[in-house]
Amino acid sequence: MTLETTDLRIHLAREVRTMVALARRAVDEGAWSAPVPSCPGWTLRDLVAHVGEIERWVLHALAHGDGDAPAPRVPDDAGLAAWLADSAQALLEALAVDAATHAWTIAPPRTVGFWIRRQAHEHAIHAWDAAAALGDVPALDAELAADGIDEIVGTMWPRQLRLGRVEEPTAGLALVADGGGAWLLGSEAAATLEGEPAALALALWHRIPADDDRLRWSGDVAAGRAVLALPLAP
């Protein structure tokens, strides 16, 4: 399932603002040192700094046509939420142009539309991470999650293969979303993984384990789990 750009813009704005709100909440709760369970070794401060760095990197790519952005100076705890809010607002403004506008990207299409989609998913998964770090039971929007599966299978996974970061598995994995949607990682499927779109997306991003009870396996489960364990996205 691939969402229309109009819908992706709505998701992007919501997820970006959610991420900023979670950063402000971290300030209020004094939670910058809270560990992020889904990103081992990271604190909430590390996560928010990463998102702000990514936003500034995309802004550089849009403005300068390359991915060679200088590393930004990340402020101390007192200024971190405001620093994120500044780049978040700038990103939304930069991506408000015609989606067909040419842009430097990490994969096709070479348009602003690529970044609208990519950043909607970037912010959705990291807002999920941040909410978990703050003790919430986070959720992914089902519609956006289905598009996220499509992005991994159709864009991020092929890029990982092209860059030599992973080898094509000898056995494939079929993905089937409850309510509709089917995808294939690799060649002929040896196993099938079924579940709600959000559960499948979280599994592909390695946010939930392969044996999570929201996931249903059939076929050669060991082969399927081996595919799922691969670095499917950066």
C-alpha atoms as a PDB file:
ATOM      1  CA  MET A   1       0.000   0.000   0.000  1.00  0.00           C
ATOM      2  CA  THR A   2       1.472   3.329  -1.070  1.00  0.00           C
ATOM      3  CA  LEU A   3      -0.138   6.459   0.334  1.00  0.00           C
ATOM      4  CA  GLU A   4      -0.875   9.528  -1.730  1.00  0.00           C
ATOM      5  CA  THR A   5       1.339  12.533  -1.069  1.00  0.00           C
ATOM      6  CA  THR A   6      -1.595  14.471   0.371  1.00  0.00           C
ATOM      7  CA  ASP A   7      -2.063  11.792   3.019  1.00  0.00           C
ATOM      8  CA  LEU A   8       1.668  11.530   3.677  1.00  0.00           C
ATOM      9  CA  ARG A   9       1.834  15.278   4.323  1.00  0.00           C
ATOM     10  CA  ILE A  10      -0.850  14.899   6.989  1.00  0.00           C
ATOM     11  CA  HIS A  11       1.024  12.043   8.635  1.00  0.00           C
ATOM     12  CA  LEU A  12       4.317  13.930   8.399  1.00  0.00           C
ATOM     13  CA  ALA A  13       2.946  16.991  10.170  1.00  0.00           C
ATOM     14  CA  ARG A  14       1.375  14.882  12.905  1.00  0.00           C
ATOM     15  CA  GLU A  15       4.448  12.740  13.540  1.00  0.00           C
ATOM     16  CA  VAL A  16       6.859  15.689  13.517  1.00  0.00           C
ATOM     17  CA  ARG A  17       4.717  17.571  16.025  1.00  0.00           C
ATOM     18  CA  THR A  18       4.337  14.462  18.160  1.00  0.00           C
ATOM     19  CA  MET A  19       8.112  14.096  18.290  1.00  0.00           C
ATOM     20  CA  VAL A  20       8.509  17.718  19.383  1.00  0.00           C
ATOM     21  CA  ALA A  21       5.821  17.298  22.041  1.00  0.00           C
ATOM     22  CA  LEU A  22       7.599  14.224  23.404  1.00  0.00           C
ATOM     23  CA  ALA A  23      10.879  16.143  23.565  1.00  0.00           C
ATOM     24  CA  ARG A  24       9.179  18.922  25.523  1.00  0.00           C
ATOM     25  CA  ARG A  25       7.700  16.328  27.821  1.00  0.00           C
ATOM     26  CA  ALA A  26      11.183  14.936  28.421  1.00  0.00           C
ATOM     27  CA  VAL A  27      12.190  18.401  29.626  1.00  0.00           C
ATOM     28  CA  ASP A  28       9.195  18.632  31.952  1.00  0.00           C
ATOM     29  CA  GLU A  29       9.819  15.161  33.381  1.00  0.00           C
ATOM     30  CA  GLY A  30      13.604  15.448  33.580  1.00  0.00           C
ATOM     31  CA  ALA A  31      13.825  12.318  31.452  1.00  0.00           C
ATOM     32  CA  TRP A  32      16.775  12.980  29.143  1.00  0.00           C
ATOM     33  CA  SER A  33      18.766  10.124  30.686  1.00  0.00           C
ATOM     34  CA  ALA A  34      15.921   7.602  30.300  1.00  0.00           C
ATOM     35  CA  PRO A  35      17.031   4.575  28.257  1.00  0.00           C
ATOM     36  CA  VAL A  36      15.308   3.903  24.935  1.00  0.00           C
ATOM     37  CA  PRO A  37      14.401   0.191  25.052  1.00  0.00           C
ATOM     38  CA  SER A  38      14.067  -0.111  21.272  1.00  0.00           C
ATOM     39  CA  CYS A  39      17.457   1.542  20.629  1.00  0.00           C
ATOM     40  CA  PRO A  40      19.901  -0.270  22.936  1.00  0.00           C
ATOM     41  CA  GLY A  41      22.584   1.994  24.326  1.00  0.00           C
ATOM     42  CA  TRP A  42      20.679   5.199  23.602  1.00  0.00           C
ATOM     43  CA  THR A  43      19.138   7.608  26.058  1.00  0.00           C
ATOM     44  CA  LEU A  44      16.188   9.825  25.239  1.00  0.00           C
ATOM     45  CA  ARG A  45      18.658  12.670  24.765  1.00  0.00           C
ATOM     46  CA  ASP A  46      20.562  10.606  22.179  1.00  0.00           C
ATOM     47  CA  LEU A  47      17.328   9.856  20.333  1.00  0.00           C
ATOM     48  CA  VAL A  48      16.154  13.467  20.193  1.00  0.00           C
ATOM     49  CA  ALA A  49      19.618  14.627  19.129  1.00  0.00           C
ATOM     50  CA  HIS A  50      19.557  12.029  16.338  1.00  0.00           C
ATOM     51  CA  VAL A  51      16.180  13.233  15.065  1.00  0.00           C
ATOM     52  CA  GLY A  52      17.337  16.854  15.104  1.00  0.00           C
ATOM     53  CA  GLU A  53      20.502  15.902  13.232  1.00  0.00           C
ATOM     54  CA  ILE A  54      18.491  14.010  10.604  1.00  0.00           C
ATOM     55  CA  GLU A  55      16.158  16.980  10.143  1.00  0.00           C
ATOM     56  CA  ARG A  56      19.118  19.300   9.583  1.00  0.00           C
ATOM     57  CA  TRP A  57      20.725  16.798   7.219  1.00  0.00           C
ATOM     58  CA  VAL A  58      17.560  16.659   5.096  1.00  0.00           C
ATOM     59  CA  LEU A  59      17.324  20.453   5.124  1.00  0.00           C
ATOM     60  CA  HIS A  60      20.900  20.602   3.830  1.00  0.00           C
ATOM     61  CA  ALA A  61      20.107  18.037   1.119  1.00  0.00           C
ATOM     62  CA  LEU A  62      17.113  20.070  -0.028  1.00  0.00           C
ATOM     63  CA  ALA A  63      19.017  23.356  -0.020  1.00  0.00           C
ATOM     64  CA  HIS A  64      22.389  22.220  -1.406  1.00  0.00           C
ATOM     65  CA  GLY A  65      21.646  19.103  -3.446  1.00  0.00           C
ATOM     66  CA  ASP A  66      23.981  16.740  -1.619  1.00  0.00           C
ATOM     67  CA  GLY A  67      24.234  14.634   1.514  1.00  0.00           C
ATOM     68  CA  ASP A  68      27.390  16.261   2.860  1.00  0.00           C
ATOM     69  CA  ALA A  69      25.874  18.305   5.656  1.00  0.00           C
ATOM     70  CA  PRO A  70      28.302  19.365   8.387  1.00  0.00           C
ATOM     71  CA  ALA A  71      27.633  17.863  11.794  1.00  0.00           C
ATOM     72  CA  PRO A  72      25.463  20.291  13.771  1.00  0.00           C
ATOM     73  CA  ARG A  73      26.266  21.434  17.283  1.00  0.00           C
ATOM     74  CA  VAL A  74      23.809  19.746  19.604  1.00  0.00           C
ATOM     75  CA  PRO A  75      22.889  21.976  22.554  1.00  0.00           C
ATOM     76  CA  ASP A  76      22.833  21.010  26.200  1.00  0.00           C
ATOM     77  CA  ASP A  77      19.768  19.543  27.864  1.00  0.00           C
ATOM     78  CA  ALA A  78      18.173  22.918  28.549  1.00  0.00           C
ATOM     79  CA  GLY A  79      18.088  23.866  24.879  1.00  0.00           C
ATOM     80  CA  LEU A  80      17.554  20.496  23.222  1.00  0.00           C
ATOM     81  CA  ALA A  81      13.760  20.526  22.872  1.00  0.00           C
ATOM     82  CA  ALA A  82      13.758  24.041  21.407  1.00  0.00           C
ATOM     83  CA  TRP A  83      16.593  23.041  19.043  1.00  0.00           C
ATOM     84  CA  LEU A  84      14.479  20.128  17.803  1.00  0.00           C
ATOM     85  CA  ALA A  85      11.402  22.335  17.464  1.00  0.00           C
ATOM     86  CA  ASP A  86      13.349  24.794  15.296  1.00  0.00           C
ATOM     87  CA  SER A  87      14.526  22.175  12.808  1.00  0.00           C
ATOM     88  CA  ALA A  88      11.140  20.432  12.848  1.00  0.00           C
ATOM     89  CA  GLN A  89       9.363  23.622  11.813  1.00  0.00           C
ATOM     90  CA  ALA A  90      11.999  24.355   9.175  1.00  0.00           C
ATOM     91  CA  LEU A  91      11.599  20.834   7.785  1.00  0.00           C
ATOM     92  CA  LEU A  92       7.824  21.140   7.490  1.00  0.00           C
ATOM     93  CA  GLU A  93       8.229  24.452   5.689  1.00  0.00           C
ATOM     94  CA  ALA A  94      10.890  23.094   3.323  1.00  0.00           C
ATOM     95  CA  LEU A  95       8.718  20.088   2.440  1.00  0.00           C
ATOM     96  CA  ALA A  96       5.619  22.201   1.803  1.00  0.00           C
ATOM     97  CA  VAL A  97       6.655  22.803  -1.827  1.00  0.00           C
ATOM     98  CA  ASP A  98       5.413  20.816  -4.824  1.00  0.00           C
ATOM     99  CA  ALA A  99       6.229  17.153  -4.167  1.00  0.00           C
ATOM    100  CA  ALA A 100       7.422  16.759  -7.765  1.00  0.00           C
ATOM    101  CA  THR A 101      10.218  19.304  -7.236  1.00  0.00           C
ATOM    102  CA  HIS A 102      13.633  17.791  -7.974  1.00  0.00           C
ATOM    103  CA  ALA A 103      15.713  16.974  -4.899  1.00  0.00           C
ATOM    104  CA  TRP A 104      18.823  15.072  -3.915  1.00  0.00           C
ATOM    105  CA  THR A 105      17.718  11.841  -2.223  1.00  0.00           C
ATOM    106  CA  ILE A 106      19.211   8.555  -1.065  1.00  0.00           C
ATOM    107  CA  ALA A 107      17.019   6.533  -3.455  1.00  0.00           C
ATOM    108  CA  PRO A 108      14.469   7.128  -6.215  1.00  0.00           C
ATOM    109  CA  PRO A 109      12.353   9.098  -6.802  1.00  0.00           C
ATOM    110  CA  ARG A 110      14.631  12.145  -6.865  1.00  0.00           C
ATOM    111  CA  THR A 111      11.922  14.486  -5.664  1.00  0.00           C
ATOM    112  CA  VAL A 112      10.748  16.310  -2.569  1.00  0.00           C
ATOM    113  CA  GLY A 113       8.025  13.674  -2.390  1.00  0.00           C
ATOM    114  CA  PHE A 114      10.660  11.116  -1.430  1.00  0.00           C
ATOM    115  CA  TRP A 115      11.547  13.139   1.655  1.00  0.00           C
ATOM    116  CA  ILE A 116       7.915  13.734   2.604  1.00  0.00           C
ATOM    117  CA  ARG A 117       7.434   9.985   2.760  1.00  0.00           C
ATOM    118  CA  ARG A 118      10.811   9.170   4.315  1.00  0.00           C
ATOM    119  CA  GLN A 119      10.481  11.746   7.063  1.00  0.00           C
ATOM    120  CA  ALA A 120       6.916  10.732   7.886  1.00  0.00           C
ATOM    121  CA  HIS A 121       8.246   7.253   8.649  1.00  0.00           C
ATOM    122  CA  GLU A 122      11.449   8.485  10.302  1.00  0.00           C
ATOM    123  CA  HIS A 123       9.456  10.566  12.746  1.00  0.00           C
ATOM    124  CA  ALA A 124       6.771   7.935  13.295  1.00  0.00           C
ATOM    125  CA  ILE A 125       9.230   5.242  14.361  1.00  0.00           C
ATOM    126  CA  HIS A 126      11.273   7.586  16.535  1.00  0.00           C
ATOM    127  CA  ALA A 127       8.162   9.038  18.155  1.00  0.00           C
ATOM    128  CA  TRP A 128       7.281   5.428  18.952  1.00  0.00           C
ATOM    129  CA  ASP A 129      10.760   4.997  20.463  1.00  0.00           C
ATOM    130  CA  ALA A 130      10.450   8.183  22.508  1.00  0.00           C
ATOM    131  CA  ALA A 131       6.999   7.338  23.816  1.00  0.00           C
ATOM    132  CA  ALA A 132       8.249   3.935  24.953  1.00  0.00           C
ATOM    133  CA  ALA A 133      11.198   5.573  26.709  1.00  0.00           C
ATOM    134  CA  LEU A 134       8.766   7.831  28.571  1.00  0.00           C
ATOM    135  CA  GLY A 135       6.807   4.825  29.787  1.00  0.00           C
ATOM    136  CA  ASP A 136       3.881   4.993  27.383  1.00  0.00           C
ATOM    137  CA  VAL A 137       2.434   2.112  25.386  1.00  0.00           C
ATOM    138  CA  PRO A 138       3.169   3.549  21.938  1.00  0.00           C
ATOM    139  CA  ALA A 139       1.224   2.871  18.771  1.00  0.00           C
ATOM    140  CA  LEU A 140       1.770   3.283  15.041  1.00  0.00           C
ATOM    141  CA  ASP A 141      -0.986   4.541  12.769  1.00  0.00           C
ATOM    142  CA  ALA A 142      -2.212   1.540  10.744  1.00  0.00           C
ATOM    143  CA  GLU A 143      -2.421   3.408   7.442  1.00  0.00           C
ATOM    144  CA  LEU A 144       1.064   4.860   7.806  1.00  0.00           C
ATOM    145  CA  ALA A 145       2.437   1.517   9.003  1.00  0.00           C
ATOM    146  CA  ALA A 146       1.200  -0.208   5.840  1.00  0.00           C
ATOM    147  CA  ASP A 147       2.948   2.423   3.743  1.00  0.00           C
ATOM    148  CA  GLY A 148       6.032   1.922   5.909  1.00  0.00           C
ATOM    149  CA  ILE A 149       6.114  -1.771   5.030  1.00  0.00           C
ATOM    150  CA  ASP A 150       5.893  -0.782   1.383  1.00  0.00           C
ATOM    151  CA  GLU A 151       8.770   1.674   1.815  1.00  0.00           C
ATOM    152  CA  ILE A 152      11.035  -0.919   3.419  1.00  0.00           C
ATOM    153  CA  VAL A 153      10.294  -3.612   0.839  1.00  0.00           C
ATOM    154  CA  GLY A 154      10.294  -1.328  -2.196  1.00  0.00           C
ATOM    155  CA  THR A 155      12.914   1.288  -1.302  1.00  0.00           C
ATOM    156  CA  MET A 156      15.037   0.668   1.780  1.00  0.00           C
ATOM    157  CA  TRP A 157      15.691  -3.059   1.319  1.00  0.00           C
ATOM    158  CA  PRO A 158      16.733  -2.681  -2.348  1.00  0.00           C
ATOM    159  CA  ARG A 159      19.060   0.147  -1.273  1.00  0.00           C
ATOM    160  CA  GLN A 160      20.651  -2.047   1.394  1.00  0.00           C
ATOM    161  CA  LEU A 161      21.270  -4.701  -1.265  1.00  0.00           C
ATOM    162  CA  ARG A 162      22.613  -2.178  -3.770  1.00  0.00           C
ATOM    163  CA  LEU A 163      25.064  -0.747  -1.229  1.00  0.00           C
ATOM    164  CA  GLY A 164      26.318  -4.221  -0.304  1.00  0.00           C
ATOM    165  CA  ARG A 165      25.137  -3.910   3.286  1.00  0.00           C
ATOM    166  CA  VAL A 166      23.343  -7.245   3.068  1.00  0.00           C
ATOM    167  CA  GLU A 167      23.237 -10.226   0.724  1.00  0.00           C
ATOM    168  CA  GLU A 168      20.083 -11.488  -0.949  1.00  0.00           C
ATOM    169  CA  PRO A 169      18.764 -14.335   1.232  1.00  0.00           C
ATOM    170  CA  THR A 170      18.426 -17.766  -0.307  1.00  0.00           C
ATOM    171  CA  ALA A 171      14.904 -18.065   1.124  1.00  0.00           C
ATOM    172  CA  GLY A 172      12.298 -15.325   0.945  1.00  0.00           C
ATOM    173  CA  LEU A 173       9.769 -14.025   3.456  1.00  0.00           C
ATOM    174  CA  ALA A 174       6.174 -13.184   2.547  1.00  0.00           C
ATOM    175  CA  LEU A 175       4.448 -10.460   4.552  1.00  0.00           C
ATOM    176  CA  VAL A 176       0.658 -10.385   4.776  1.00  0.00           C
ATOM    177  CA  ALA A 177      -1.134  -7.573   6.585  1.00  0.00           C
ATOM    178  CA  ASP A 178      -4.494  -8.076   8.240  1.00  0.00           C
ATOM    179  CA  GLY A 179      -7.068  -6.117   6.268  1.00  0.00           C
ATOM    180  CA  GLY A 180      -5.102  -6.282   3.021  1.00  0.00           C
ATOM    181  CA  GLY A 181      -1.589  -5.859   1.707  1.00  0.00           C
ATOM    182  CA  ALA A 182       1.066  -8.409   0.772  1.00  0.00           C
ATOM    183  CA  TRP A 183       4.793  -8.087   0.115  1.00  0.00           C
ATOM    184  CA  LEU A 184       7.808 -10.310  -0.519  1.00  0.00           C
ATOM    185  CA  LEU A 185      11.336  -9.949   0.823  1.00  0.00           C
ATOM    186  CA  GLY A 186      13.792 -11.985  -1.209  1.00  0.00           C
ATOM    187  CA  SER A 187      12.944 -14.609  -3.787  1.00  0.00           C
ATOM    188  CA  GLU A 188      10.370 -17.367  -3.448  1.00  0.00           C
ATOM    189  CA  ALA A 189       8.883 -17.297   0.036  1.00  0.00           C
ATOM    190  CA  ALA A 190       9.896 -20.038   2.445  1.00  0.00           C
ATOM    191  CA  ALA A 191       7.820 -18.550   5.258  1.00  0.00           C
ATOM    192  CA  THR A 192       4.917 -16.172   5.771  1.00  0.00           C
ATOM    193  CA  LEU A 193       4.574 -13.546   8.479  1.00  0.00           C
ATOM    194  CA  GLU A 194       1.100 -12.169   9.171  1.00  0.00           C
ATOM    195  CA  GLY A 195      -0.226  -9.505  11.499  1.00  0.00           C
ATOM    196  CA  GLU A 196      -1.670  -6.037  11.788  1.00  0.00           C
ATOM    197  CA  PRO A 197       0.235  -3.484   9.677  1.00  0.00           C
ATOM    198  CA  ALA A 198       1.694  -1.808  12.763  1.00  0.00           C
ATOM    199  CA  ALA A 199       3.035  -5.099  14.120  1.00  0.00           C
ATOM    200  CA  LEU A 200       4.613  -6.003  10.779  1.00  0.00           C
ATOM    201  CA  ALA A 201       6.206  -2.569  10.453  1.00  0.00           C
ATOM    202  CA  LEU A 202       7.589  -2.720  13.990  1.00  0.00           C
ATOM    203  CA  ALA A 203       9.014  -6.176  13.314  1.00  0.00           C
ATOM    204  CA  LEU A 204      10.687  -4.986  10.103  1.00  0.00           C
ATOM    205  CA  TRP A 205      12.230  -2.065  12.001  1.00  0.00           C
ATOM    206  CA  HIS A 206      13.360  -4.528  14.712  1.00  0.00           C
ATOM    207  CA  ARG A 207      11.234  -2.788  17.333  1.00  0.00           C
ATOM    208  CA  ILE A 208       9.472  -5.953  18.445  1.00  0.00           C
ATOM    209  CA  PRO A 209      10.914  -9.489  18.509  1.00  0.00           C
ATOM    210  CA  ALA A 210      10.106 -12.157  15.965  1.00  0.00           C
ATOM    211  CA  ASP A 211       8.224 -14.145  18.612  1.00  0.00           C
ATOM    212  CA  ASP A 212       5.957 -11.251  19.617  1.00  0.00           C
ATOM    213  CA  ASP A 213       2.417 -12.553  20.069  1.00  0.00           C
ATOM    214  CA  ARG A 214       1.096  -9.975  17.583  1.00  0.00           C
ATOM    215  CA  LEU A 215       2.878 -11.867  14.796  1.00  0.00           C
ATOM    216  CA  ARG A 216       1.743 -15.128  13.178  1.00  0.00           C
ATOM    217  CA  TRP A 217       4.241 -17.386  11.416  1.00  0.00           C
ATOM    218  CA  SER A 218       3.801 -20.246   8.967  1.00  0.00           C
ATOM    219  CA  GLY A 219       6.104 -22.254   6.715  1.00  0.00           C
ATOM    220  CA  ASP A 220       9.831 -22.511   7.435  1.00  0.00           C
ATOM    221  CA  VAL A 221       9.816 -20.246  10.476  1.00  0.00           C
ATOM    222  CA  ALA A 222      13.574 -20.455  11.053  1.00  0.00           C
ATOM    223  CA  ALA A 223      14.263 -19.302   7.488  1.00  0.00           C
ATOM    224  CA  GLY A 224      11.705 -16.531   7.805  1.00  0.00           C
ATOM    225  CA  ARG A 225      13.166 -15.275  11.056  1.00  0.00           C
ATOM    226  CA  ALA A 226      16.622 -15.263   9.479  1.00  0.00           C
ATOM    227  CA  VAL A 227      15.331 -12.870   6.800  1.00  0.00           C
ATOM    228  CA  LEU A 228      13.595 -10.691   9.374  1.00  0.00           C
ATOM    229  CA  ALA A 229      16.835 -10.419  11.375  1.00  0.00           C
ATOM    230  CA  LEU A 230      18.715  -8.903   8.419  1.00  0.00           C
ATOM    231  CA  PRO A 231      19.436  -5.140   8.302  1.00  0.00           C
ATOM    232  CA  LEU A 232      16.436  -4.402   6.101  1.00  0.00           C
ATOM    233  CA  ALA A 233      16.875  -0.641   6.464  1.00  0.00           C
ATOM    234  CA  PRO A 234      19.692   1.645   7.651  1.00  0.00           C
END
